[in-house]
C-alpha cells in the first residue's frame, strides 16, 4: 500500500502480485484453517474444477481433532471420476490442501439470485 493511503478492513484476503495488483484470495470468514495453514476455498475449488471431473464444487472446512479443520469438497457431477480427481489433485496441490472427503450430489443448492448457496452447503456439510 502506498504510504499515506487509507486502509479499510473489508473481510477479504488479498495478495499483492509482483505487478503490484491485488489478487482476491477469499473472505476471511470462509478461510479454512488446517494444521496451521490458512487455505482459500476458492483455490481448492479452482483446482478441483480445472480437470472437468465435476461441474461445480464448493470447498468447506469441517472440524477435525488433529488439524483444526479438514477440507470437504461438495461437488455436482458423476462420482465415477473421483479416483482421477484425487490422483490429479495429488500432483497439483500440496498435502495440506488435499481434500479429506468428497460429497457428490446431482446438483448443488442455489440461493434466490441463482448463485451457489455456500452458506447452506457449509451448514449441511458441518451438520
N, C-alpha and C. Protein backbone atom coordinates (compact mmCIF):
# COMPACT_ATOMS: atom_id res chain seq x y z
N UNK A 1 0.85 -1.18 0.00
CA UNK A 1 0.00 0.00 0.00
C UNK A 1 0.89 1.24 0.00
N UNK A 2 0.52 2.20 -0.74
CA UNK A 2 1.27 3.46 -0.78
C UNK A 2 1.18 4.14 0.57
N UNK A 3 2.28 4.79 0.98
CA UNK A 3 2.24 5.47 2.26
C UNK A 3 1.24 6.61 2.20
N UNK A 4 0.58 6.83 3.32
CA UNK A 4 -0.41 7.88 3.36
C UNK A 4 -1.76 7.46 2.82
N UNK A 5 -1.86 6.22 2.32
CA UNK A 5 -3.14 5.74 1.80
C UNK A 5 -4.05 5.32 2.93
N UNK A 6 -5.27 5.11 2.60
CA UNK A 6 -6.24 4.70 3.60
C UNK A 6 -6.48 3.19 3.46
N UNK A 7 -6.52 2.49 4.57
CA UNK A 7 -6.82 1.06 4.58
C UNK A 7 -8.20 0.86 5.17
N UNK A 8 -8.94 -0.03 4.55
CA UNK A 8 -10.29 -0.35 5.02
C UNK A 8 -10.35 -1.85 5.22
N UNK A 9 -10.82 -2.28 6.40
CA UNK A 9 -10.98 -3.71 6.63
C UNK A 9 -12.27 -4.16 5.97
N UNK A 10 -12.13 -5.02 4.97
CA UNK A 10 -13.29 -5.47 4.20
C UNK A 10 -13.69 -6.89 4.52
N UNK A 11 -12.83 -7.61 5.25
CA UNK A 11 -13.09 -9.01 5.49
C UNK A 11 -12.60 -9.89 4.35
N UNK A 12 -11.93 -9.29 3.37
CA UNK A 12 -11.37 -10.03 2.25
C UNK A 12 -9.88 -10.26 2.47
N UNK A 13 -9.38 -11.37 1.95
CA UNK A 13 -7.95 -11.63 1.94
C UNK A 13 -7.46 -11.45 0.52
N UNK A 14 -6.41 -10.64 0.35
CA UNK A 14 -5.83 -10.40 -0.96
C UNK A 14 -4.32 -10.59 -0.88
N UNK A 15 -3.72 -10.89 -2.01
CA UNK A 15 -2.26 -10.96 -2.12
C UNK A 15 -1.83 -9.94 -3.16
N UNK A 16 -0.71 -9.28 -2.91
CA UNK A 16 -0.17 -8.35 -3.89
C UNK A 16 0.78 -9.09 -4.80
N UNK A 17 0.52 -9.03 -6.10
CA UNK A 17 1.37 -9.69 -7.07
C UNK A 17 2.61 -8.88 -7.38
N UNK A 18 3.54 -9.48 -8.10
CA UNK A 18 4.78 -8.80 -8.48
C UNK A 18 4.48 -7.56 -9.31
N UNK A 19 3.33 -7.56 -9.99
CA UNK A 19 2.95 -6.41 -10.82
C UNK A 19 2.29 -5.29 -10.01
N UNK A 20 2.17 -5.51 -8.68
CA UNK A 20 1.57 -4.50 -7.82
C UNK A 20 0.05 -4.58 -7.72
N UNK A 21 -0.55 -5.47 -8.51
CA UNK A 21 -2.00 -5.63 -8.45
C UNK A 21 -2.39 -6.56 -7.32
N UNK A 22 -3.56 -6.32 -6.75
CA UNK A 22 -4.06 -7.16 -5.67
C UNK A 22 -4.91 -8.28 -6.26
N UNK A 23 -4.69 -9.51 -5.77
CA UNK A 23 -5.44 -10.68 -6.22
C UNK A 23 -6.33 -11.14 -5.07
N UNK A 24 -7.63 -11.21 -5.33
CA UNK A 24 -8.59 -11.66 -4.33
C UNK A 24 -8.36 -13.14 -4.04
N UNK A 25 -8.19 -13.48 -2.77
CA UNK A 25 -7.98 -14.87 -2.37
C UNK A 25 -9.26 -15.45 -1.78
N UNK A 26 -9.95 -14.71 -0.94
CA UNK A 26 -11.19 -15.21 -0.35
C UNK A 26 -11.63 -14.34 0.80
N UNK A 27 -12.77 -14.67 1.34
CA UNK A 27 -13.30 -13.98 2.50
C UNK A 27 -12.66 -14.58 3.74
N UNK A 28 -12.31 -13.72 4.71
CA UNK A 28 -11.69 -14.21 5.93
C UNK A 28 -12.57 -15.22 6.65
N UNK A 29 -13.88 -15.00 6.63
CA UNK A 29 -14.77 -15.91 7.34
C UNK A 29 -14.95 -17.24 6.61
N UNK A 30 -14.51 -17.35 5.37
CA UNK A 30 -14.60 -18.59 4.62
C UNK A 30 -13.28 -19.36 4.61
N UNK A 31 -12.20 -18.73 5.07
CA UNK A 31 -10.90 -19.38 5.04
C UNK A 31 -10.92 -20.66 5.87
N UNK A 32 -10.23 -21.67 5.38
CA UNK A 32 -10.11 -22.94 6.09
C UNK A 32 -8.77 -22.91 6.82
N UNK A 33 -8.80 -23.21 8.10
CA UNK A 33 -7.57 -23.22 8.90
C UNK A 33 -7.25 -24.66 9.24
N UNK A 34 -6.21 -25.21 8.60
CA UNK A 34 -5.86 -26.61 8.77
C UNK A 34 -4.37 -26.76 9.02
N UNK A 35 -4.04 -27.40 10.14
CA UNK A 35 -2.64 -27.68 10.50
C UNK A 35 -1.78 -26.42 10.42
N UNK A 36 -2.31 -25.30 10.89
CA UNK A 36 -1.55 -24.06 10.92
C UNK A 36 -1.52 -23.30 9.60
N UNK A 37 -2.22 -23.78 8.60
CA UNK A 37 -2.26 -23.14 7.29
C UNK A 37 -3.62 -22.50 7.05
N UNK A 38 -3.60 -21.33 6.43
CA UNK A 38 -4.85 -20.66 6.01
C UNK A 38 -5.05 -21.01 4.53
N UNK A 39 -6.15 -21.68 4.25
CA UNK A 39 -6.40 -22.19 2.91
C UNK A 39 -7.63 -21.49 2.33
N UNK A 40 -7.48 -20.97 1.14
CA UNK A 40 -8.60 -20.34 0.44
C UNK A 40 -9.46 -21.43 -0.19
N UNK A 41 -10.75 -21.49 0.16
CA UNK A 41 -11.61 -22.46 -0.51
C UNK A 41 -11.63 -22.28 -2.02
N UNK A 42 -11.51 -21.04 -2.48
CA UNK A 42 -11.53 -20.78 -3.92
C UNK A 42 -10.35 -21.45 -4.64
N UNK A 43 -9.18 -21.47 -4.00
CA UNK A 43 -8.03 -22.13 -4.62
C UNK A 43 -8.28 -23.62 -4.78
N UNK A 44 -8.86 -24.24 -3.76
CA UNK A 44 -9.17 -25.67 -3.83
C UNK A 44 -10.23 -25.90 -4.91
N UNK A 45 -11.27 -25.08 -4.92
CA UNK A 45 -12.34 -25.22 -5.90
C UNK A 45 -11.82 -25.07 -7.33
N UNK A 46 -10.96 -24.10 -7.56
CA UNK A 46 -10.40 -23.90 -8.91
C UNK A 46 -9.60 -25.12 -9.35
N UNK A 47 -8.83 -25.69 -8.43
CA UNK A 47 -8.04 -26.89 -8.76
C UNK A 47 -8.96 -28.06 -9.07
N UNK A 48 -10.01 -28.22 -8.27
CA UNK A 48 -10.96 -29.31 -8.49
C UNK A 48 -11.62 -29.18 -9.86
N UNK A 49 -12.07 -27.99 -10.20
CA UNK A 49 -12.82 -27.78 -11.43
C UNK A 49 -11.96 -27.78 -12.69
N UNK A 50 -10.66 -27.59 -12.55
CA UNK A 50 -9.77 -27.47 -13.71
C UNK A 50 -9.72 -28.73 -14.57
N UNK A 51 -10.00 -29.89 -13.99
CA UNK A 51 -9.88 -31.13 -14.75
C UNK A 51 -11.17 -31.62 -15.39
N UNK A 52 -12.29 -31.01 -15.06
CA UNK A 52 -13.55 -31.41 -15.67
C UNK A 52 -14.25 -32.61 -15.04
N UNK A 53 -13.73 -33.12 -13.91
CA UNK A 53 -14.38 -34.27 -13.27
C UNK A 53 -15.70 -33.88 -12.61
N UNK A 54 -15.87 -32.60 -12.30
CA UNK A 54 -17.09 -32.11 -11.65
C UNK A 54 -17.57 -30.86 -12.37
N UNK A 55 -18.88 -30.63 -12.33
CA UNK A 55 -19.45 -29.42 -12.95
C UNK A 55 -19.33 -28.22 -12.03
N UNK A 56 -19.52 -28.46 -10.73
CA UNK A 56 -19.45 -27.39 -9.73
C UNK A 56 -18.81 -27.97 -8.47
N UNK A 57 -18.20 -27.08 -7.67
CA UNK A 57 -17.57 -27.54 -6.44
C UNK A 57 -17.54 -26.42 -5.41
N UNK A 58 -17.73 -26.79 -4.16
CA UNK A 58 -17.61 -25.87 -3.04
C UNK A 58 -16.75 -26.56 -1.99
N UNK A 59 -15.67 -25.90 -1.57
CA UNK A 59 -14.79 -26.44 -0.53
C UNK A 59 -15.18 -25.84 0.81
N UNK A 60 -15.23 -26.69 1.83
CA UNK A 60 -15.68 -26.29 3.16
C UNK A 60 -14.71 -26.86 4.20
N UNK A 61 -14.47 -26.09 5.24
CA UNK A 61 -13.69 -26.60 6.37
C UNK A 61 -14.62 -27.18 7.41
N UNK A 62 -14.34 -28.40 7.85
CA UNK A 62 -15.13 -29.04 8.91
C UNK A 62 -14.21 -29.34 10.09
N UNK A 63 -14.76 -29.34 11.30
CA UNK A 63 -13.92 -29.60 12.48
C UNK A 63 -13.16 -30.92 12.37
N UNK A 64 -11.89 -30.88 12.73
CA UNK A 64 -11.04 -32.07 12.72
C UNK A 64 -10.17 -32.03 13.97
N UNK A 65 -10.19 -33.08 14.79
CA UNK A 65 -9.44 -33.04 16.05
C UNK A 65 -7.93 -32.94 15.88
N UNK A 66 -7.39 -33.43 14.78
CA UNK A 66 -5.93 -33.39 14.59
C UNK A 66 -5.45 -32.09 13.97
N UNK A 67 -6.16 -31.59 12.96
CA UNK A 67 -5.64 -30.45 12.20
C UNK A 67 -6.40 -29.14 12.43
N UNK A 68 -7.46 -29.17 13.19
CA UNK A 68 -8.29 -27.98 13.37
C UNK A 68 -9.48 -28.01 12.42
N UNK A 69 -9.20 -28.05 11.13
CA UNK A 69 -10.24 -28.21 10.12
C UNK A 69 -9.73 -29.13 9.02
N UNK A 70 -10.63 -29.95 8.49
CA UNK A 70 -10.34 -30.78 7.33
C UNK A 70 -11.13 -30.21 6.16
N UNK A 71 -10.63 -30.42 4.96
CA UNK A 71 -11.28 -29.90 3.76
C UNK A 71 -12.25 -30.95 3.22
N UNK A 72 -13.49 -30.54 3.05
CA UNK A 72 -14.50 -31.36 2.39
C UNK A 72 -14.93 -30.60 1.14
N UNK A 73 -14.97 -31.30 0.02
CA UNK A 73 -15.43 -30.68 -1.23
C UNK A 73 -16.78 -31.29 -1.58
N UNK A 74 -17.77 -30.43 -1.76
CA UNK A 74 -19.10 -30.84 -2.18
C UNK A 74 -19.17 -30.55 -3.68
N UNK A 75 -19.49 -31.60 -4.46
CA UNK A 75 -19.42 -31.48 -5.91
C UNK A 75 -20.71 -31.88 -6.60
N UNK A 76 -20.95 -31.28 -7.75
CA UNK A 76 -22.02 -31.72 -8.64
C UNK A 76 -21.35 -32.43 -9.80
N UNK A 77 -21.79 -33.65 -10.05
CA UNK A 77 -21.21 -34.41 -11.14
C UNK A 77 -21.29 -35.90 -10.88
N UNK A 78 -20.54 -36.64 -11.66
CA UNK A 78 -20.54 -38.10 -11.60
C UNK A 78 -19.42 -38.58 -10.68
N UNK A 79 -19.76 -39.27 -9.58
CA UNK A 79 -18.72 -39.71 -8.65
C UNK A 79 -17.75 -40.74 -9.24
N UNK A 80 -18.04 -41.26 -10.42
CA UNK A 80 -17.13 -42.22 -11.05
C UNK A 80 -15.77 -41.58 -11.35
N UNK A 81 -15.71 -40.26 -11.42
CA UNK A 81 -14.45 -39.57 -11.70
C UNK A 81 -13.62 -39.25 -10.48
N UNK A 82 -14.04 -39.72 -9.29
CA UNK A 82 -13.33 -39.33 -8.07
C UNK A 82 -11.89 -39.83 -8.02
N UNK A 83 -11.63 -41.06 -8.46
CA UNK A 83 -10.25 -41.57 -8.42
C UNK A 83 -9.33 -40.72 -9.29
N UNK A 84 -9.79 -40.34 -10.47
CA UNK A 84 -8.99 -39.49 -11.36
C UNK A 84 -8.79 -38.12 -10.74
N UNK A 85 -9.82 -37.59 -10.10
CA UNK A 85 -9.73 -36.29 -9.44
C UNK A 85 -8.71 -36.33 -8.32
N UNK A 86 -8.79 -37.35 -7.46
CA UNK A 86 -7.83 -37.47 -6.36
C UNK A 86 -6.39 -37.55 -6.88
N UNK A 87 -6.18 -38.36 -7.91
CA UNK A 87 -4.83 -38.51 -8.47
C UNK A 87 -4.33 -37.19 -9.04
N UNK A 88 -5.18 -36.48 -9.74
CA UNK A 88 -4.78 -35.21 -10.34
C UNK A 88 -4.44 -34.18 -9.26
N UNK A 89 -5.26 -34.11 -8.21
CA UNK A 89 -5.01 -33.13 -7.15
C UNK A 89 -3.75 -33.46 -6.36
N UNK A 90 -3.40 -34.75 -6.23
CA UNK A 90 -2.15 -35.11 -5.54
C UNK A 90 -0.94 -34.50 -6.25
N UNK A 91 -1.02 -34.38 -7.56
CA UNK A 91 0.07 -33.79 -8.32
C UNK A 91 0.00 -32.27 -8.41
N UNK A 92 -1.12 -31.70 -8.01
CA UNK A 92 -1.36 -30.27 -8.19
C UNK A 92 -1.31 -29.46 -6.90
N UNK A 93 -1.85 -30.01 -5.83
CA UNK A 93 -1.96 -29.28 -4.56
C UNK A 93 -1.01 -29.85 -3.51
N UNK A 94 -0.48 -29.00 -2.63
CA UNK A 94 0.34 -29.51 -1.52
C UNK A 94 -0.51 -30.37 -0.59
N UNK A 95 0.13 -31.20 0.21
CA UNK A 95 -0.59 -32.15 1.05
C UNK A 95 -1.58 -31.48 1.99
N UNK A 96 -1.24 -30.30 2.52
CA UNK A 96 -2.15 -29.65 3.47
C UNK A 96 -3.42 -29.11 2.80
N UNK A 97 -3.43 -29.07 1.47
CA UNK A 97 -4.62 -28.59 0.74
C UNK A 97 -5.43 -29.74 0.14
N UNK A 98 -5.04 -30.98 0.40
CA UNK A 98 -5.77 -32.12 -0.14
C UNK A 98 -7.10 -32.31 0.58
N UNK A 99 -8.19 -32.42 -0.15
CA UNK A 99 -9.48 -32.68 0.50
C UNK A 99 -9.47 -34.02 1.22
N UNK A 100 -10.09 -34.04 2.40
CA UNK A 100 -10.21 -35.27 3.18
C UNK A 100 -11.39 -36.09 2.69
N UNK A 101 -12.39 -35.42 2.13
CA UNK A 101 -13.61 -36.11 1.72
C UNK A 101 -14.26 -35.37 0.55
N UNK A 102 -14.94 -36.15 -0.28
CA UNK A 102 -15.71 -35.60 -1.40
C UNK A 102 -17.16 -36.03 -1.22
N UNK A 103 -18.08 -35.08 -1.25
CA UNK A 103 -19.52 -35.38 -1.18
C UNK A 103 -20.12 -35.04 -2.54
N UNK A 104 -20.55 -36.08 -3.26
CA UNK A 104 -21.09 -35.90 -4.61
C UNK A 104 -22.60 -35.73 -4.56
N UNK A 105 -23.10 -34.82 -5.36
CA UNK A 105 -24.54 -34.55 -5.46
C UNK A 105 -24.90 -34.42 -6.93
N UNK A 106 -26.18 -34.60 -7.21
CA UNK A 106 -26.67 -34.35 -8.57
C UNK A 106 -26.55 -32.87 -8.91
N UNK A 107 -27.02 -32.04 -7.98
CA UNK A 107 -27.00 -30.58 -8.14
C UNK A 107 -26.63 -29.95 -6.80
N UNK A 108 -26.05 -28.77 -6.85
CA UNK A 108 -25.75 -28.02 -5.62
C UNK A 108 -26.84 -26.97 -5.41
N UNK A 109 -27.17 -26.69 -4.14
CA UNK A 109 -28.24 -25.71 -3.88
C UNK A 109 -27.84 -24.30 -4.32
N UNK A 110 -28.85 -23.55 -4.70
CA UNK A 110 -28.65 -22.17 -5.14
C UNK A 110 -29.52 -21.25 -4.30
N UNK A 111 -29.05 -20.00 -4.19
CA UNK A 111 -29.83 -19.00 -3.45
C UNK A 111 -30.84 -18.33 -4.39
N UNK A 112 -31.56 -17.35 -3.87
CA UNK A 112 -32.59 -16.67 -4.66
C UNK A 112 -32.04 -15.97 -5.89
N UNK A 113 -30.74 -15.63 -5.87
CA UNK A 113 -30.11 -14.96 -7.02
C UNK A 113 -29.54 -15.94 -8.03
N UNK A 114 -29.71 -17.24 -7.78
CA UNK A 114 -29.21 -18.24 -8.70
C UNK A 114 -27.75 -18.60 -8.49
N UNK A 115 -27.13 -18.03 -7.46
CA UNK A 115 -25.72 -18.34 -7.16
C UNK A 115 -25.66 -19.55 -6.24
N UNK A 116 -24.50 -20.22 -6.23
CA UNK A 116 -24.33 -21.34 -5.31
C UNK A 116 -24.60 -20.85 -3.89
N UNK A 117 -25.39 -21.61 -3.14
CA UNK A 117 -25.72 -21.24 -1.77
C UNK A 117 -24.65 -21.82 -0.84
N UNK A 118 -23.54 -21.11 -0.76
CA UNK A 118 -22.40 -21.58 0.02
C UNK A 118 -22.74 -21.73 1.50
N UNK A 119 -23.55 -20.82 2.02
CA UNK A 119 -23.93 -20.91 3.44
C UNK A 119 -24.71 -22.19 3.71
N UNK A 120 -25.65 -22.53 2.84
CA UNK A 120 -26.42 -23.76 3.01
C UNK A 120 -25.53 -24.99 2.87
N UNK A 121 -24.61 -24.95 1.92
CA UNK A 121 -23.70 -26.08 1.72
C UNK A 121 -22.81 -26.25 2.95
N UNK A 122 -22.28 -25.14 3.48
CA UNK A 122 -21.45 -25.21 4.69
C UNK A 122 -22.25 -25.79 5.86
N UNK A 123 -23.48 -25.30 6.04
CA UNK A 123 -24.31 -25.77 7.15
C UNK A 123 -24.61 -27.27 7.02
N UNK A 124 -24.95 -27.72 5.82
CA UNK A 124 -25.23 -29.15 5.59
C UNK A 124 -24.00 -30.00 5.84
N UNK A 125 -22.86 -29.52 5.39
CA UNK A 125 -21.63 -30.30 5.49
C UNK A 125 -21.13 -30.38 6.93
N UNK A 126 -21.32 -29.32 7.68
CA UNK A 126 -20.84 -29.29 9.07
C UNK A 126 -21.81 -29.95 10.04
N UNK A 127 -23.03 -30.26 9.58
CA UNK A 127 -24.05 -30.84 10.48
C UNK A 127 -23.72 -32.28 10.83
